[in-house]
Amino acid sequence: MSHLLEVTSLEGGYGSVKIINGIDLYIDKGEFVTIIGPNGCGKSTFIKIIFGIATYYGGSVMHKDSEVSGWRTDSLVNRGIAYVPQVDNVFQSLSVKENLEMGGIQLSKPLLEERIERALQMFEDLRPRMNDVAASLSGGQRQMLAISRALINDPDFLLLDEPTAALSPLYQQQIIERIDALRTKGITVLIVEQNARLSLSRSDRGYIFSNGKVVHTAPASEILVDPQINEYFLGTKKD
């Protein structure tokens, strides 16, 4: 069986600065996979290369058996891939409703309204805030809005860059639970997360990065109980 996403010997970075040094990774349909590792190891850069917002040098990125290495972001979105960055992920001066509308600017009005309603069913906290500007939301609500906007184009594969960063423990738990629940809607999730233990507790598998390479991969349940990994990685903060 082919994988939803299969990355082989991927290399890339920012301009001439190489960060990723030959990474192999795969994710199957319906999985929740977490990438962890020490500060500056290339976790965020890796998913930015996949999504076309960091520099692709070489290697292969296959999505649904098609080569998408180095593709433009808009082409990847049209294939059903969505990405939620860690910061600057909502339009602060626009209302919640306007942010959601921006996520489906090319959709017909009836379809856009249908998609917005579906997103609100997943993130009910946003419903009473529809007319409020995004800047007035809490950090957790802004993350919910960012994820909801990414869902407007009906993706089946979601890339998330540290969605719980700087949130309270309560919101961290809520955000991870909501992300996990997206799998019931047919959405596959690849996440970079600073709260490794929280994300791995919901994950099928985990990858550990170091110096732009994969140094270990295993079922998440095994990573969580590995004493050496616990000592060196599970307390690690973000890139």
C-alpha atoms as a PDB file:
ATOM      1  CA  MET A   1       0.000   0.000   0.000  1.00  0.00           C
ATOM      2  CA  SER A   2       1.339   3.423  -0.925  1.00  0.00           C
ATOM      3  CA  HIS A   3       1.664   6.168   1.651  1.00  0.00           C
ATOM      4  CA  LEU A   4      -0.316   9.406   1.661  1.00  0.00           C
ATOM      5  CA  LEU A   5       2.996  11.272   1.908  1.00  0.00           C
ATOM      6  CA  GLU A   6       6.436   9.788   1.405  1.00  0.00           C
ATOM      7  CA  VAL A   7       9.574  11.898   1.761  1.00  0.00           C
ATOM      8  CA  THR A   8      12.897  10.459   0.633  1.00  0.00           C
ATOM      9  CA  SER A   9      16.368  12.008   1.099  1.00  0.00           C
ATOM     10  CA  LEU A  10      14.889  15.508   1.386  1.00  0.00           C
ATOM     11  CA  GLU A  11      17.354  18.398   1.544  1.00  0.00           C
ATOM     12  CA  GLY A  12      16.618  22.085   1.877  1.00  0.00           C
ATOM     13  CA  GLY A  13      16.757  25.218   3.992  1.00  0.00           C
ATOM     14  CA  TYR A  14      16.569  28.972   3.501  1.00  0.00           C
ATOM     15  CA  GLY A  15      18.285  30.326   0.410  1.00  0.00           C
ATOM     16  CA  SER A  16      21.833  28.998   0.497  1.00  0.00           C
ATOM     17  CA  VAL A  17      21.635  27.953   4.168  1.00  0.00           C
ATOM     18  CA  LYS A  18      21.117  24.205   4.306  1.00  0.00           C
ATOM     19  CA  ILE A  19      19.056  23.007   7.286  1.00  0.00           C
ATOM     20  CA  ILE A  20      17.595  19.637   6.235  1.00  0.00           C
ATOM     21  CA  ASN A  21      20.175  16.959   5.445  1.00  0.00           C
ATOM     22  CA  GLY A  22      18.500  13.980   3.827  1.00  0.00           C
ATOM     23  CA  ILE A  23      15.283  13.154   5.671  1.00  0.00           C
ATOM     24  CA  ASP A  24      13.130  10.076   5.067  1.00  0.00           C
ATOM     25  CA  LEU A  25       9.591  10.142   6.458  1.00  0.00           C
ATOM     26  CA  TYR A  26       6.176   8.789   5.588  1.00  0.00           C
ATOM     27  CA  ILE A  27       2.628   9.181   6.802  1.00  0.00           C
ATOM     28  CA  ASP A  28      -0.377   7.038   5.951  1.00  0.00           C
ATOM     29  CA  LYS A  29      -3.947   8.164   5.460  1.00  0.00           C
ATOM     30  CA  GLY A  30      -5.696   8.810   8.761  1.00  0.00           C
ATOM     31  CA  GLU A  31      -2.532   8.920  10.860  1.00  0.00           C
ATOM     32  CA  PHE A  32      -1.495  11.498  13.445  1.00  0.00           C
ATOM     33  CA  VAL A  33       2.309  11.787  13.338  1.00  0.00           C
ATOM     34  CA  THR A  34       4.426  14.058  15.555  1.00  0.00           C
ATOM     35  CA  ILE A  35       7.918  15.412  14.886  1.00  0.00           C
ATOM     36  CA  ILE A  36      10.004  16.265  17.959  1.00  0.00           C
ATOM     37  CA  GLY A  37      13.631  17.186  18.571  1.00  0.00           C
ATOM     38  CA  PRO A  38      15.963  19.740  20.145  1.00  0.00           C
ATOM     39  CA  ASN A  39      15.981  23.454  19.408  1.00  0.00           C
ATOM     40  CA  GLY A  40      17.086  24.369  15.906  1.00  0.00           C
ATOM     41  CA  CYS A  41      17.069  20.822  14.538  1.00  0.00           C
ATOM     42  CA  GLY A  42      14.985  21.690  11.479  1.00  0.00           C
ATOM     43  CA  LYS A  43      11.517  20.487  12.491  1.00  0.00           C
ATOM     44  CA  SER A  44       9.662  23.568  11.296  1.00  0.00           C
ATOM     45  CA  THR A  45      11.915  23.993   8.271  1.00  0.00           C
ATOM     46  CA  PHE A  46      11.062  20.464   7.157  1.00  0.00           C
ATOM     47  CA  ILE A  47       7.324  21.076   6.872  1.00  0.00           C
ATOM     48  CA  LYS A  48       7.941  24.485   5.290  1.00  0.00           C
ATOM     49  CA  ILE A  49       9.954  22.785   2.546  1.00  0.00           C
ATOM     50  CA  ILE A  50       7.103  20.341   1.962  1.00  0.00           C
ATOM     51  CA  PHE A  51       4.640  23.239   1.699  1.00  0.00           C
ATOM     52  CA  GLY A  52       6.818  25.289  -0.638  1.00  0.00           C
ATOM     53  CA  ILE A  53       7.757  28.148   1.710  1.00  0.00           C
ATOM     54  CA  ALA A  54      11.359  27.129   2.378  1.00  0.00           C
ATOM     55  CA  THR A  55      13.978  26.291  -0.230  1.00  0.00           C
ATOM     56  CA  TYR A  56      13.882  22.818  -1.736  1.00  0.00           C
ATOM     57  CA  TYR A  57      17.330  21.489  -2.705  1.00  0.00           C
ATOM     58  CA  GLY A  58      16.780  17.847  -3.567  1.00  0.00           C
ATOM     59  CA  GLY A  59      15.203  14.550  -2.693  1.00  0.00           C
ATOM     60  CA  SER A  60      11.647  13.411  -3.272  1.00  0.00           C
ATOM     61  CA  VAL A  61       8.260  14.384  -1.857  1.00  0.00           C
ATOM     62  CA  MET A  62       5.479  12.087  -3.033  1.00  0.00           C
ATOM     63  CA  HIS A  63       1.839  12.881  -2.258  1.00  0.00           C
ATOM     64  CA  LYS A  64      -0.746  10.287  -3.279  1.00  0.00           C
ATOM     65  CA  ASP A  65       1.800   8.698  -5.625  1.00  0.00           C
ATOM     66  CA  SER A  66       2.544  11.997  -7.393  1.00  0.00           C
ATOM     67  CA  GLU A  67       5.859  13.841  -7.208  1.00  0.00           C
ATOM     68  CA  VAL A  68       5.288  17.275  -5.612  1.00  0.00           C
ATOM     69  CA  SER A  69       8.886  18.185  -4.716  1.00  0.00           C
ATOM     70  CA  GLY A  70       9.425  21.927  -4.914  1.00  0.00           C
ATOM     71  CA  TRP A  71       5.836  22.649  -5.919  1.00  0.00           C
ATOM     72  CA  ARG A  72       4.289  26.058  -5.347  1.00  0.00           C
ATOM     73  CA  THR A  73       2.078  26.477  -2.310  1.00  0.00           C
ATOM     74  CA  ASP A  74      -1.088  27.187  -4.306  1.00  0.00           C
ATOM     75  CA  SER A  75      -0.646  23.951  -6.269  1.00  0.00           C
ATOM     76  CA  LEU A  76      -0.244  22.004  -3.028  1.00  0.00           C
ATOM     77  CA  VAL A  77      -3.400  23.588  -1.591  1.00  0.00           C
ATOM     78  CA  ASN A  78      -5.280  22.474  -4.693  1.00  0.00           C
ATOM     79  CA  ARG A  79      -4.102  18.916  -3.976  1.00  0.00           C
ATOM     80  CA  GLY A  80      -5.698  19.012  -0.522  1.00  0.00           C
ATOM     81  CA  ILE A  81      -2.669  19.965   1.589  1.00  0.00           C
ATOM     82  CA  ALA A  82      -3.041  22.712   4.204  1.00  0.00           C
ATOM     83  CA  TYR A  83      -0.476  24.341   6.480  1.00  0.00           C
ATOM     84  CA  VAL A  84      -0.937  26.313   9.691  1.00  0.00           C
ATOM     85  CA  PRO A  85       2.145  28.317  10.736  1.00  0.00           C
ATOM     86  CA  GLN A  86       3.070  28.914  14.337  1.00  0.00           C
ATOM     87  CA  VAL A  87       2.845  32.726  14.223  1.00  0.00           C
ATOM     88  CA  ASP A  88       1.126  35.352  12.059  1.00  0.00           C
ATOM     89  CA  ASN A  89      -1.518  32.802  11.203  1.00  0.00           C
ATOM     90  CA  VAL A  90      -4.616  35.052  11.359  1.00  0.00           C
ATOM     91  CA  PHE A  91      -5.484  38.503  10.032  1.00  0.00           C
ATOM     92  CA  GLN A  92      -5.577  40.425  13.298  1.00  0.00           C
ATOM     93  CA  SER A  93      -7.589  43.406  12.020  1.00  0.00           C
ATOM     94  CA  LEU A  94     -10.291  41.296  10.380  1.00  0.00           C
ATOM     95  CA  SER A  95     -13.235  39.693  12.138  1.00  0.00           C
ATOM     96  CA  VAL A  96     -13.409  35.971  12.776  1.00  0.00           C
ATOM     97  CA  LYS A  97     -15.964  35.654   9.984  1.00  0.00           C
ATOM     98  CA  GLU A  98     -13.782  37.627   7.564  1.00  0.00           C
ATOM     99  CA  ASN A  99     -10.791  35.441   8.402  1.00  0.00           C
ATOM    100  CA  LEU A 100     -12.798  32.329   7.602  1.00  0.00           C
ATOM    101  CA  GLU A 101     -14.045  33.885   4.358  1.00  0.00           C
ATOM    102  CA  MET A 102     -10.453  34.624   3.355  1.00  0.00           C
ATOM    103  CA  GLY A 103      -9.760  30.903   3.644  1.00  0.00           C
ATOM    104  CA  GLY A 104     -12.220  30.213   0.827  1.00  0.00           C
ATOM    105  CA  ILE A 105     -12.010  33.344  -1.257  1.00  0.00           C
ATOM    106  CA  GLN A 106     -12.386  31.386  -4.516  1.00  0.00           C
ATOM    107  CA  LEU A 107     -15.388  29.344  -3.386  1.00  0.00           C
ATOM    108  CA  SER A 108     -18.997  30.074  -4.289  1.00  0.00           C
ATOM    109  CA  LYS A 109     -20.967  31.759  -1.524  1.00  0.00           C
ATOM    110  CA  PRO A 110     -23.164  28.721  -0.735  1.00  0.00           C
ATOM    111  CA  LEU A 111     -20.157  26.388  -0.597  1.00  0.00           C
ATOM    112  CA  LEU A 112     -18.173  28.873   1.500  1.00  0.00           C
ATOM    113  CA  GLU A 113     -21.036  29.169   4.001  1.00  0.00           C
ATOM    114  CA  GLU A 114     -21.270  25.382   4.175  1.00  0.00           C
ATOM    115  CA  ARG A 115     -17.526  25.043   4.827  1.00  0.00           C
ATOM    116  CA  ILE A 116     -17.590  27.774   7.487  1.00  0.00           C
ATOM    117  CA  GLU A 117     -20.444  26.052   9.277  1.00  0.00           C
ATOM    118  CA  ARG A 118     -18.569  22.758   9.191  1.00  0.00           C
ATOM    119  CA  ALA A 119     -15.467  24.434  10.653  1.00  0.00           C
ATOM    120  CA  LEU A 120     -17.556  26.021  13.401  1.00  0.00           C
ATOM    121  CA  GLN A 121     -18.982  22.624  14.310  1.00  0.00           C
ATOM    122  CA  MET A 122     -15.411  21.505  14.992  1.00  0.00           C
ATOM    123  CA  PHE A 123     -14.450  24.702  16.834  1.00  0.00           C
ATOM    124  CA  GLU A 124     -17.645  25.851  18.557  1.00  0.00           C
ATOM    125  CA  ASP A 125     -15.700  28.370  20.673  1.00  0.00           C
ATOM    126  CA  LEU A 126     -15.539  30.637  17.622  1.00  0.00           C
ATOM    127  CA  ARG A 127     -19.270  30.772  16.930  1.00  0.00           C
ATOM    128  CA  PRO A 128     -20.117  33.548  19.441  1.00  0.00           C
ATOM    129  CA  ARG A 129     -17.041  35.521  18.323  1.00  0.00           C
ATOM    130  CA  MET A 130     -17.815  35.681  14.603  1.00  0.00           C
ATOM    131  CA  ASN A 131     -18.113  39.474  14.496  1.00  0.00           C
ATOM    132  CA  ASP A 132     -15.164  40.164  16.816  1.00  0.00           C
ATOM    133  CA  VAL A 133     -11.779  41.116  15.394  1.00  0.00           C
ATOM    134  CA  ALA A 134      -9.195  38.354  15.580  1.00  0.00           C
ATOM    135  CA  ALA A 135      -6.901  40.553  17.677  1.00  0.00           C
ATOM    136  CA  SER A 136      -9.416  40.330  20.526  1.00  0.00           C
ATOM    137  CA  LEU A 137      -9.250  36.527  20.704  1.00  0.00           C
ATOM    138  CA  SER A 138      -7.220  34.600  23.241  1.00  0.00           C
ATOM    139  CA  GLY A 139      -4.158  32.730  22.019  1.00  0.00           C
ATOM    140  CA  GLY A 140      -6.025  29.451  22.008  1.00  0.00           C
ATOM    141  CA  GLN A 141      -8.960  30.921  20.094  1.00  0.00           C
ATOM    142  CA  ARG A 142      -6.583  32.391  17.501  1.00  0.00           C
ATOM    143  CA  GLN A 143      -5.112  28.930  16.947  1.00  0.00           C
ATOM    144  CA  MET A 144      -8.615  27.527  16.556  1.00  0.00           C
ATOM    145  CA  LEU A 145      -9.326  30.252  13.992  1.00  0.00           C
ATOM    146  CA  ALA A 146      -6.100  29.551  12.100  1.00  0.00           C
ATOM    147  CA  ILE A 147      -6.886  25.842  11.904  1.00  0.00           C
ATOM    148  CA  SER A 148     -10.511  26.525  10.974  1.00  0.00           C
ATOM    149  CA  ARG A 149      -9.452  28.812   8.133  1.00  0.00           C
ATOM    150  CA  ALA A 150      -7.094  26.117   6.835  1.00  0.00           C
ATOM    151  CA  LEU A 151     -10.046  23.693   6.779  1.00  0.00           C
ATOM    152  CA  ILE A 152     -12.201  25.905   4.540  1.00  0.00           C
ATOM    153  CA  ASN A 153     -10.551  24.524   1.396  1.00  0.00           C
ATOM    154  CA  ASP A 154     -11.457  20.982   2.500  1.00  0.00           C
ATOM    155  CA  PRO A 155      -7.942  19.537   2.857  1.00  0.00           C
ATOM    156  CA  ASP A 156      -7.295  15.892   3.643  1.00  0.00           C
ATOM    157  CA  PHE A 157      -3.737  16.475   4.862  1.00  0.00           C
ATOM    158  CA  LEU A 158      -2.872  19.077   7.503  1.00  0.00           C
ATOM    159  CA  LEU A 159       0.617  20.320   8.412  1.00  0.00           C
ATOM    160  CA  LEU A 160       0.785  22.088  11.784  1.00  0.00           C
ATOM    161  CA  ASP A 161       3.755  24.032  13.163  1.00  0.00           C
ATOM    162  CA  GLU A 162       3.700  24.078  16.974  1.00  0.00           C
ATOM    163  CA  PRO A 163      -0.009  24.850  17.422  1.00  0.00           C
ATOM    164  CA  THR A 164       0.158  24.913  21.240  1.00  0.00           C
ATOM    165  CA  ALA A 165       3.176  27.229  21.559  1.00  0.00           C
ATOM    166  CA  ALA A 166       2.726  29.885  24.296  1.00  0.00           C
ATOM    167  CA  LEU A 167      -0.752  28.636  25.224  1.00  0.00           C
ATOM    168  CA  SER A 168      -2.028  27.792  28.687  1.00  0.00           C
ATOM    169  CA  PRO A 169      -2.030  24.089  29.633  1.00  0.00           C
ATOM    170  CA  LEU A 170      -5.827  24.035  29.291  1.00  0.00           C
ATOM    171  CA  TYR A 171      -5.757  25.419  25.762  1.00  0.00           C
ATOM    172  CA  GLN A 172      -2.844  23.148  24.842  1.00  0.00           C
ATOM    173  CA  GLN A 173      -4.964  20.150  25.796  1.00  0.00           C
ATOM    174  CA  GLN A 174      -8.020  21.486  23.953  1.00  0.00           C
ATOM    175  CA  ILE A 175      -6.120  22.262  20.765  1.00  0.00           C
ATOM    176  CA  ILE A 176      -4.483  18.819  20.599  1.00  0.00           C
ATOM    177  CA  GLU A 177      -7.826  17.139  21.282  1.00  0.00           C
ATOM    178  CA  ARG A 178      -9.497  19.125  18.489  1.00  0.00           C
ATOM    179  CA  ILE A 179      -6.654  18.318  16.082  1.00  0.00           C
ATOM    180  CA  ASP A 180      -6.921  14.631  16.925  1.00  0.00           C
ATOM    181  CA  ALA A 181     -10.674  14.772  16.326  1.00  0.00           C
ATOM    182  CA  LEU A 182     -10.070  16.003  12.773  1.00  0.00           C
ATOM    183  CA  ARG A 183      -9.106  12.442  11.899  1.00  0.00           C
ATOM    184  CA  THR A 184     -12.748  11.457  12.229  1.00  0.00           C
ATOM    185  CA  LYS A 185     -13.351  13.840   9.304  1.00  0.00           C
ATOM    186  CA  GLY A 186     -10.805  12.050   7.132  1.00  0.00           C
ATOM    187  CA  ILE A 187      -7.933  14.482   7.751  1.00  0.00           C
ATOM    188  CA  THR A 188      -4.395  13.172   8.181  1.00  0.00           C
ATOM    189  CA  VAL A 189      -2.163  15.195  10.531  1.00  0.00           C
ATOM    190  CA  LEU A 190       1.586  15.842  10.578  1.00  0.00           C
ATOM    191  CA  ILE A 191       2.539  18.075  13.481  1.00  0.00           C
ATOM    192  CA  VAL A 192       5.656  19.749  14.839  1.00  0.00           C
ATOM    193  CA  GLU A 193       5.019  20.255  18.542  1.00  0.00           C
ATOM    194  CA  GLN A 194       6.970  21.681  21.462  1.00  0.00           C
ATOM    195  CA  ASN A 195       4.800  19.857  23.987  1.00  0.00           C
ATOM    196  CA  ALA A 196       6.104  16.503  22.800  1.00  0.00           C
ATOM    197  CA  ARG A 197       4.465  14.387  25.488  1.00  0.00           C
ATOM    198  CA  LEU A 198       1.018  15.882  24.902  1.00  0.00           C
ATOM    199  CA  SER A 199       1.162  15.447  21.134  1.00  0.00           C
ATOM    200  CA  LEU A 200       2.690  11.960  21.239  1.00  0.00           C
ATOM    201  CA  SER A 201      -0.084  10.842  23.584  1.00  0.00           C
ATOM    202  CA  ARG A 202      -2.488  11.349  20.658  1.00  0.00           C
ATOM    203  CA  SER A 203      -0.137  10.199  17.896  1.00  0.00           C
ATOM    204  CA  ASP A 204       0.281   6.950  16.032  1.00  0.00           C
ATOM    205  CA  ARG A 205       3.994   7.441  15.403  1.00  0.00           C
ATOM    206  CA  GLY A 206       6.777   9.890  16.142  1.00  0.00           C
ATOM    207  CA  TYR A 207       9.956  11.085  14.453  1.00  0.00           C
ATOM    208  CA  ILE A 208      12.899  12.570  16.318  1.00  0.00           C
ATOM    209  CA  PHE A 209      15.021  15.085  14.410  1.00  0.00           C
ATOM    210  CA  SER A 210      18.552  16.219  15.219  1.00  0.00           C
ATOM    211  CA  ASN A 211      20.827  18.356  13.046  1.00  0.00           C
ATOM    212  CA  GLY A 212      18.440  18.204  10.127  1.00  0.00           C
ATOM    213  CA  LYS A 213      18.191  14.408  10.115  1.00  0.00           C
ATOM    214  CA  VAL A 214      15.893  11.719  11.485  1.00  0.00           C
ATOM    215  CA  VAL A 215      17.701  10.026  14.367  1.00  0.00           C
ATOM    216  CA  HIS A 216      14.846   7.818  15.555  1.00  0.00           C
ATOM    217  CA  THR A 217      11.316   6.824  14.615  1.00  0.00           C
ATOM    218  CA  ALA A 218       8.923   4.497  16.416  1.00  0.00           C
ATOM    219  CA  PRO A 219       5.302   4.118  17.482  1.00  0.00           C
ATOM    220  CA  ALA A 220       4.412   7.037  19.750  1.00  0.00           C
ATOM    221  CA  SER A 221       3.589   4.666  22.602  1.00  0.00           C
ATOM    222  CA  GLU A 222       7.161   3.336  22.529  1.00  0.00           C
ATOM    223  CA  ILE A 223       8.736   6.794  22.405  1.00  0.00           C
ATOM    224  CA  LEU A 224       6.724   7.883  25.437  1.00  0.00           C
ATOM    225  CA  VAL A 225       8.150   5.103  27.621  1.00  0.00           C
ATOM    226  CA  ASP A 226      11.730   5.095  26.306  1.00  0.00           C
ATOM    227  CA  PRO A 227      13.854   6.358  29.237  1.00  0.00           C
ATOM    228  CA  GLN A 228      16.647   7.747  27.072  1.00  0.00           C
ATOM    229  CA  ILE A 229      14.243   9.684  24.857  1.00  0.00           C
ATOM    230  CA  ASN A 230      12.407  10.959  27.927  1.00  0.00           C
ATOM    231  CA  GLU A 231      15.657  12.316  29.338  1.00  0.00           C
ATOM    232  CA  TYR A 232      16.903  14.035  26.216  1.00  0.00           C
ATOM    233  CA  PHE A 233      13.881  14.984  24.121  1.00  0.00           C
ATOM    234  CA  LEU A 234      10.480  15.031  25.779  1.00  0.00           C
ATOM    235  CA  GLY A 235      11.224  18.180  27.731  1.00  0.00           C
ATOM    236  CA  THR A 236      12.539  19.998  24.683  1.00  0.00           C
ATOM    237  CA  LYS A 237      11.164  23.386  23.755  1.00  0.00           C
ATOM    238  CA  LYS A 238      10.456  24.633  20.213  1.00  0.00           C
ATOM    239  CA  ASP A 239      12.857  25.254  17.314  1.00  0.00           C
END
